[in-house]
C-alpha atoms as a PDB file:
ATOM      1  CA  MET A   1       0.000   0.000   0.000  1.00  0.00           C
ATOM      2  CA  ARG A   2       1.447   3.371  -1.034  1.00  0.00           C
ATOM      3  CA  VAL A   3       1.507   5.988   1.699  1.00  0.00           C
ATOM      4  CA  GLY A   4       1.538   9.602   0.612  1.00  0.00           C
ATOM      5  CA  ILE A   5       3.786  12.087   2.326  1.00  0.00           C
ATOM      6  CA  THR A   6       2.245  15.529   1.978  1.00  0.00           C
ATOM      7  CA  LYS A   7       3.452  19.012   2.944  1.00  0.00           C
ATOM      8  CA  ASP A   8       1.816  18.682   6.381  1.00  0.00           C
ATOM      9  CA  SER A   9       4.181  15.804   7.259  1.00  0.00           C
ATOM     10  CA  ALA A  10       7.286  15.654   9.449  1.00  0.00           C
ATOM     11  CA  LEU A  11       9.937  12.996  10.011  1.00  0.00           C
ATOM     12  CA  ILE A  12      10.653  12.108  13.638  1.00  0.00           C
ATOM     13  CA  ILE A  13      13.922  10.251  14.253  1.00  0.00           C
ATOM     14  CA  VAL A  14      13.940   8.779  17.755  1.00  0.00           C
ATOM     15  CA  ASP A  15      17.174   8.499  19.760  1.00  0.00           C
ATOM     16  CA  VAL A  16      19.745   7.439  17.144  1.00  0.00           C
ATOM     17  CA  GLN A  17      22.526   8.087  19.659  1.00  0.00           C
ATOM     18  CA  ARG A  18      25.862   6.404  20.322  1.00  0.00           C
ATOM     19  CA  ASP A  19      24.770   4.920  23.667  1.00  0.00           C
ATOM     20  CA  PHE A  20      21.860   3.097  21.995  1.00  0.00           C
ATOM     21  CA  MET A  21      24.072   1.525  19.333  1.00  0.00           C
ATOM     22  CA  PRO A  22      26.393  -1.495  19.631  1.00  0.00           C
ATOM     23  CA  GLY A  23      29.332  -0.534  21.858  1.00  0.00           C
ATOM     24  CA  GLY A  24      27.213   2.011  23.745  1.00  0.00           C
ATOM     25  CA  ALA A  25      26.007   1.953  27.346  1.00  0.00           C
ATOM     26  CA  LEU A  26      22.500   0.657  26.496  1.00  0.00           C
ATOM     27  CA  PRO A  27      22.752  -0.860  23.009  1.00  0.00           C
ATOM     28  CA  VAL A  28      19.873  -1.920  20.792  1.00  0.00           C
ATOM     29  CA  PRO A  29      21.127  -5.067  19.011  1.00  0.00           C
ATOM     30  CA  SER A  30      21.953  -4.230  15.373  1.00  0.00           C
ATOM     31  CA  GLY A  31      20.605  -0.721  15.937  1.00  0.00           C
ATOM     32  CA  GLU A  32      23.019   0.728  13.406  1.00  0.00           C
ATOM     33  CA  SER A  33      21.471  -1.416  10.653  1.00  0.00           C
ATOM     34  CA  ILE A  34      18.545   1.021  10.278  1.00  0.00           C
ATOM     35  CA  ILE A  35      20.730   4.127   9.819  1.00  0.00           C
ATOM     36  CA  PRO A  36      21.050   3.799   6.001  1.00  0.00           C
ATOM     37  CA  VAL A  37      17.239   3.648   5.715  1.00  0.00           C
ATOM     38  CA  ILE A  38      16.877   6.663   8.021  1.00  0.00           C
ATOM     39  CA  ASN A  39      19.471   8.572   5.981  1.00  0.00           C
ATOM     40  CA  ARG A  40      17.444   7.964   2.808  1.00  0.00           C
ATOM     41  CA  LEU A  41      14.341   9.269   4.597  1.00  0.00           C
ATOM     42  CA  ILE A  42      16.278  12.327   5.777  1.00  0.00           C
ATOM     43  CA  ALA A  43      17.436  13.021   2.218  1.00  0.00           C
ATOM     44  CA  SER A  44      13.882  12.795   0.877  1.00  0.00           C
ATOM     45  CA  PHE A  45      12.444  15.110   3.544  1.00  0.00           C
ATOM     46  CA  LYS A  46      15.382  17.529   3.200  1.00  0.00           C
ATOM     47  CA  GLU A  47      15.055  17.707  -0.591  1.00  0.00           C
ATOM     48  CA  ARG A  48      11.421  18.775  -0.159  1.00  0.00           C
ATOM     49  CA  GLU A  49      12.211  21.182   2.709  1.00  0.00           C
ATOM     50  CA  MET A  50       9.961  19.248   5.076  1.00  0.00           C
ATOM     51  CA  PRO A  51      10.585  19.190   8.848  1.00  0.00           C
ATOM     52  CA  ILE A  52      13.095  16.715  10.229  1.00  0.00           C
ATOM     53  CA  ILE A  53      13.001  16.261  13.993  1.00  0.00           C
ATOM     54  CA  ALA A  54      15.619  14.269  15.898  1.00  0.00           C
ATOM     55  CA  THR A  55      14.943  13.323  19.500  1.00  0.00           C
ATOM     56  CA  ARG A  56      17.622  12.506  22.011  1.00  0.00           C
ATOM     57  CA  ASP A  57      17.866  11.318  25.573  1.00  0.00           C
ATOM     58  CA  TRP A  58      19.736  14.122  27.325  1.00  0.00           C
ATOM     59  CA  HIS A  59      20.098  13.022  30.924  1.00  0.00           C
ATOM     60  CA  PRO A  60      21.823  14.669  33.874  1.00  0.00           C
ATOM     61  CA  LYS A  61      24.435  12.385  35.454  1.00  0.00           C
ATOM     62  CA  ASP A  62      22.157  11.616  38.434  1.00  0.00           C
ATOM     63  CA  HIS A  63      19.035  10.756  36.408  1.00  0.00           C
ATOM     64  CA  ILE A  64      16.288   8.808  38.197  1.00  0.00           C
ATOM     65  CA  SER A  65      16.303   6.025  35.580  1.00  0.00           C
ATOM     66  CA  PHE A  66      19.913   5.084  36.360  1.00  0.00           C
ATOM     67  CA  LYS A  67      20.745   2.155  38.640  1.00  0.00           C
ATOM     68  CA  PRO A  68      20.377   1.754  41.592  1.00  0.00           C
ATOM     69  CA  ARG A  69      17.317   4.077  41.583  1.00  0.00           C
ATOM     70  CA  GLY A  70      16.070   2.957  38.181  1.00  0.00           C
ATOM     71  CA  PRO A  71      16.311   0.061  35.726  1.00  0.00           C
ATOM     72  CA  TRP A  72      18.995   1.343  33.353  1.00  0.00           C
ATOM     73  CA  PRO A  73      22.765   1.787  33.369  1.00  0.00           C
ATOM     74  CA  PRO A  74      23.869   5.419  33.023  1.00  0.00           C
ATOM     75  CA  HIS A  75      23.401   6.440  29.384  1.00  0.00           C
ATOM     76  CA  CYS A  76      23.105   9.516  27.157  1.00  0.00           C
ATOM     77  CA  ILE A  77      24.513  11.825  29.836  1.00  0.00           C
ATOM     78  CA  GLN A  78      24.456  15.462  28.750  1.00  0.00           C
ATOM     79  CA  GLY A  79      27.659  16.521  27.011  1.00  0.00           C
ATOM     80  CA  THR A  80      29.168  13.033  26.726  1.00  0.00           C
ATOM     81  CA  ALA A  81      30.124  11.124  23.581  1.00  0.00           C
ATOM     82  CA  GLY A  82      27.403   8.564  24.345  1.00  0.00           C
ATOM     83  CA  ALA A  83      24.724  11.250  24.105  1.00  0.00           C
ATOM     84  CA  GLU A  84      25.867  12.340  20.637  1.00  0.00           C
ATOM     85  CA  PHE A  85      23.935  11.315  17.559  1.00  0.00           C
ATOM     86  CA  HIS A  86      25.498   8.330  15.809  1.00  0.00           C
ATOM     87  CA  PRO A  87      28.260   9.601  13.479  1.00  0.00           C
ATOM     88  CA  SER A  88      26.687   7.832  10.472  1.00  0.00           C
ATOM     89  CA  LEU A  89      23.376   9.673  10.926  1.00  0.00           C
ATOM     90  CA  GLU A  90      23.227  12.416   8.284  1.00  0.00           C
ATOM     91  CA  LEU A  91      21.222  15.054  10.129  1.00  0.00           C
ATOM     92  CA  PRO A  92      20.952  18.349   8.272  1.00  0.00           C
ATOM     93  CA  GLU A  93      21.838  21.582  10.052  1.00  0.00           C
ATOM     94  CA  ARG A  94      18.211  22.668   9.977  1.00  0.00           C
ATOM     95  CA  ALA A  95      17.008  19.554  11.845  1.00  0.00           C
ATOM     96  CA  ILE A  96      14.992  20.340  14.957  1.00  0.00           C
ATOM     97  CA  ILE A  97      16.569  18.710  18.023  1.00  0.00           C
ATOM     98  CA  VAL A  98      14.246  17.656  20.849  1.00  0.00           C
ATOM     99  CA  SER A  99      15.955  16.788  24.150  1.00  0.00           C
ATOM    100  CA  LYS A 100      14.046  14.592  26.593  1.00  0.00           C
ATOM    101  CA  GLY A 101      14.703  13.199  30.044  1.00  0.00           C
ATOM    102  CA  THR A 102      16.491  16.412  31.000  1.00  0.00           C
ATOM    103  CA  SER A 103      15.171  16.562  34.571  1.00  0.00           C
ATOM    104  CA  ALA A 104      17.022  14.438  37.140  1.00  0.00           C
ATOM    105  CA  GLU A 105      13.772  13.401  38.848  1.00  0.00           C
ATOM    106  CA  LYS A 106      11.578  12.574  35.830  1.00  0.00           C
ATOM    107  CA  GLU A 107      11.799   9.783  33.278  1.00  0.00           C
ATOM    108  CA  ALA A 108      10.647  10.615  29.759  1.00  0.00           C
ATOM    109  CA  TYR A 109      10.391   8.029  27.001  1.00  0.00           C
ATOM    110  CA  SER A 110       8.120  10.093  24.749  1.00  0.00           C
ATOM    111  CA  ALA A 111       9.398  12.986  22.637  1.00  0.00           C
ATOM    112  CA  PHE A 112       6.292  14.897  23.768  1.00  0.00           C
ATOM    113  CA  GLN A 113       6.952  14.518  27.506  1.00  0.00           C
ATOM    114  CA  GLY A 114       8.450  17.651  29.036  1.00  0.00           C
ATOM    115  CA  THR A 115       9.389  19.142  25.655  1.00  0.00           C
ATOM    116  CA  GLY A 116       7.930  21.760  23.353  1.00  0.00           C
ATOM    117  CA  LEU A 117       7.463  19.297  20.490  1.00  0.00           C
ATOM    118  CA  GLU A 118       3.679  19.609  20.252  1.00  0.00           C
ATOM    119  CA  ASN A 119       3.880  23.416  20.046  1.00  0.00           C
ATOM    120  CA  THR A 120       6.607  23.174  17.397  1.00  0.00           C
ATOM    121  CA  LEU A 121       4.520  20.806  15.274  1.00  0.00           C
ATOM    122  CA  ASN A 122       1.427  22.991  15.619  1.00  0.00           C
ATOM    123  CA  LYS A 123       3.365  26.120  14.597  1.00  0.00           C
ATOM    124  CA  LEU A 124       4.603  24.259  11.520  1.00  0.00           C
ATOM    125  CA  ARG A 125       1.007  23.118  10.786  1.00  0.00           C
ATOM    126  CA  ILE A 126       2.057  19.476  10.864  1.00  0.00           C
ATOM    127  CA  LYS A 127      -0.729  16.888  10.872  1.00  0.00           C
ATOM    128  CA  ARG A 128       1.134  13.702   9.910  1.00  0.00           C
ATOM    129  CA  LEU A 129       4.186  12.161  11.566  1.00  0.00           C
ATOM    130  CA  PHE A 130       6.522   9.545  10.122  1.00  0.00           C
ATOM    131  CA  VAL A 131       8.429   7.905  12.978  1.00  0.00           C
ATOM    132  CA  CYS A 132      11.661   5.900  12.933  1.00  0.00           C
ATOM    133  CA  GLY A 133      14.516   5.101  15.344  1.00  0.00           C
ATOM    134  CA  VAL A 134      15.141   3.131  18.547  1.00  0.00           C
ATOM    135  CA  ALA A 135      14.058   1.402  20.720  1.00  0.00           C
ATOM    136  CA  THR A 136      10.711   0.222  19.395  1.00  0.00           C
ATOM    137  CA  GLU A 137       9.415  -0.985  22.788  1.00  0.00           C
ATOM    138  CA  TYR A 138      10.296   2.193  24.646  1.00  0.00           C
ATOM    139  CA  CYS A 139      10.872   5.627  23.154  1.00  0.00           C
ATOM    140  CA  VAL A 140       9.495   4.876  19.680  1.00  0.00           C
ATOM    141  CA  LYS A 141       6.295   3.371  21.100  1.00  0.00           C
ATOM    142  CA  GLU A 142       5.746   6.109  23.695  1.00  0.00           C
ATOM    143  CA  THR A 143       6.357   8.856  21.130  1.00  0.00           C
ATOM    144  CA  VAL A 144       3.867   7.234  18.739  1.00  0.00           C
ATOM    145  CA  MET A 145       1.253   6.746  21.483  1.00  0.00           C
ATOM    146  CA  ASP A 146       1.541  10.370  22.601  1.00  0.00           C
ATOM    147  CA  ALA A 147       1.359  11.598  18.993  1.00  0.00           C
ATOM    148  CA  LEU A 148      -1.862   9.643  18.489  1.00  0.00           C
ATOM    149  CA  LYS A 149      -3.344  11.009  21.743  1.00  0.00           C
ATOM    150  CA  ARG A 150      -2.639  14.508  20.447  1.00  0.00           C
ATOM    151  CA  GLY A 151      -4.446  13.864  17.173  1.00  0.00           C
ATOM    152  CA  PHE A 152      -1.518  13.441  14.793  1.00  0.00           C
ATOM    153  CA  GLN A 153      -1.905  10.858  12.045  1.00  0.00           C
ATOM    154  CA  THR A 154       1.092   8.675  12.827  1.00  0.00           C
ATOM    155  CA  PHE A 155       3.013   6.284  10.606  1.00  0.00           C
ATOM    156  CA  VAL A 156       5.684   3.892  11.895  1.00  0.00           C
ATOM    157  CA  ILE A 157       8.342   3.041   9.311  1.00  0.00           C
ATOM    158  CA  GLU A 158       9.010  -0.613  10.102  1.00  0.00           C
ATOM    159  CA  ASP A 159      12.296  -0.976   8.220  1.00  0.00           C
ATOM    160  CA  ALA A 160      13.611   2.098  10.073  1.00  0.00           C
ATOM    161  CA  ILE A 161      12.886   1.024  13.676  1.00  0.00           C
ATOM    162  CA  LYS A 162      14.730  -1.436  15.875  1.00  0.00           C
ATOM    163  CA  GLY A 163      13.810  -2.980  19.200  1.00  0.00           C
ATOM    164  CA  ILE A 164      15.607  -4.699  22.037  1.00  0.00           C
ATOM    165  CA  ASP A 165      14.087  -8.094  21.217  1.00  0.00           C
ATOM    166  CA  VAL A 166      11.630  -9.482  18.661  1.00  0.00           C
ATOM    167  CA  ARG A 167       8.904 -10.405  21.163  1.00  0.00           C
ATOM    168  CA  GLY A 168       8.928  -6.976  22.782  1.00  0.00           C
ATOM    169  CA  GLU A 169       9.056  -5.286  19.398  1.00  0.00           C
ATOM    170  CA  ASP A 170       6.076  -7.290  18.096  1.00  0.00           C
ATOM    171  CA  LYS A 171       4.072  -6.482  21.231  1.00  0.00           C
ATOM    172  CA  ALA A 172       4.871  -2.764  20.871  1.00  0.00           C
ATOM    173  CA  LYS A 173       3.839  -2.800  17.196  1.00  0.00           C
ATOM    174  CA  GLY A 174       0.544  -4.436  18.154  1.00  0.00           C
ATOM    175  CA  GLU A 175      -0.109  -1.782  20.805  1.00  0.00           C
ATOM    176  CA  MET A 176       0.655   1.039  18.374  1.00  0.00           C
ATOM    177  CA  LEU A 177      -1.611  -0.481  15.707  1.00  0.00           C
ATOM    178  CA  LYS A 178      -4.427  -0.922  18.222  1.00  0.00           C
ATOM    179  CA  LYS A 179      -4.281   2.790  19.079  1.00  0.00           C
ATOM    180  CA  GLY A 180      -4.394   3.825  15.414  1.00  0.00           C
ATOM    181  CA  ALA A 181      -0.824   3.981  14.138  1.00  0.00           C
ATOM    182  CA  VAL A 182      -0.223   2.914  10.547  1.00  0.00           C
ATOM    183  CA  MET A 183       2.622   0.485   9.933  1.00  0.00           C
ATOM    184  CA  THR A 184       4.447   1.100   6.677  1.00  0.00           C
ATOM    185  CA  SER A 185       7.918   0.713   5.176  1.00  0.00           C
ATOM    186  CA  SER A 186      10.238   3.077   3.348  1.00  0.00           C
ATOM    187  CA  PRO A 187       9.580   1.558  -0.129  1.00  0.00           C
ATOM    188  CA  GLU A 188       5.837   2.250   0.334  1.00  0.00           C
ATOM    189  CA  LEU A 189       6.329   5.997   0.874  1.00  0.00           C
ATOM    190  CA  ALA A 190       5.491   8.420  -1.907  1.00  0.00           C
ATOM    191  CA  PHE A 191       6.022  12.177  -1.726  1.00  0.00           C
ATOM    192  CA  PHE A 192       3.292  14.504  -3.035  1.00  0.00           C
END
């Protein structure tokens, strides 16, 4: 099924950061394998001067999600190499960067939580979101769910997302579908 990308669309790239890639503090297995697909999406959106939004975990060093207070090892600490976008990700200078999880006492998986993303999208008159990145079961899913709650038509680009494990990824996809997300793939996208 062809999916049309119209002028009221934006690309959201979730957390393609060093710490979430192999060799990082909290790696998504084979996470780097989706970067070439994401780069092709970036090029298509850039060529048409359509919004490209890149989210990032941007945690203080004492973040609540870090062990022993939380479930995760320290990761994506503000100003560290691990918090940087993966060097193979070809983000344009005009990309909008959304930092999440910036408060030491609050966890934030969604790109909408504690950020100005919704206001930014509304100012740009965006109605449709095309989401890619990592990890499917966490930040991708929560971003998609929050986008749907806010009334955005939301598409998940399956060949441009990666999860921690297949079972968790399949469950997350099912939850997103149930709430109204559309699953698609990069070859099915057509720009209008």
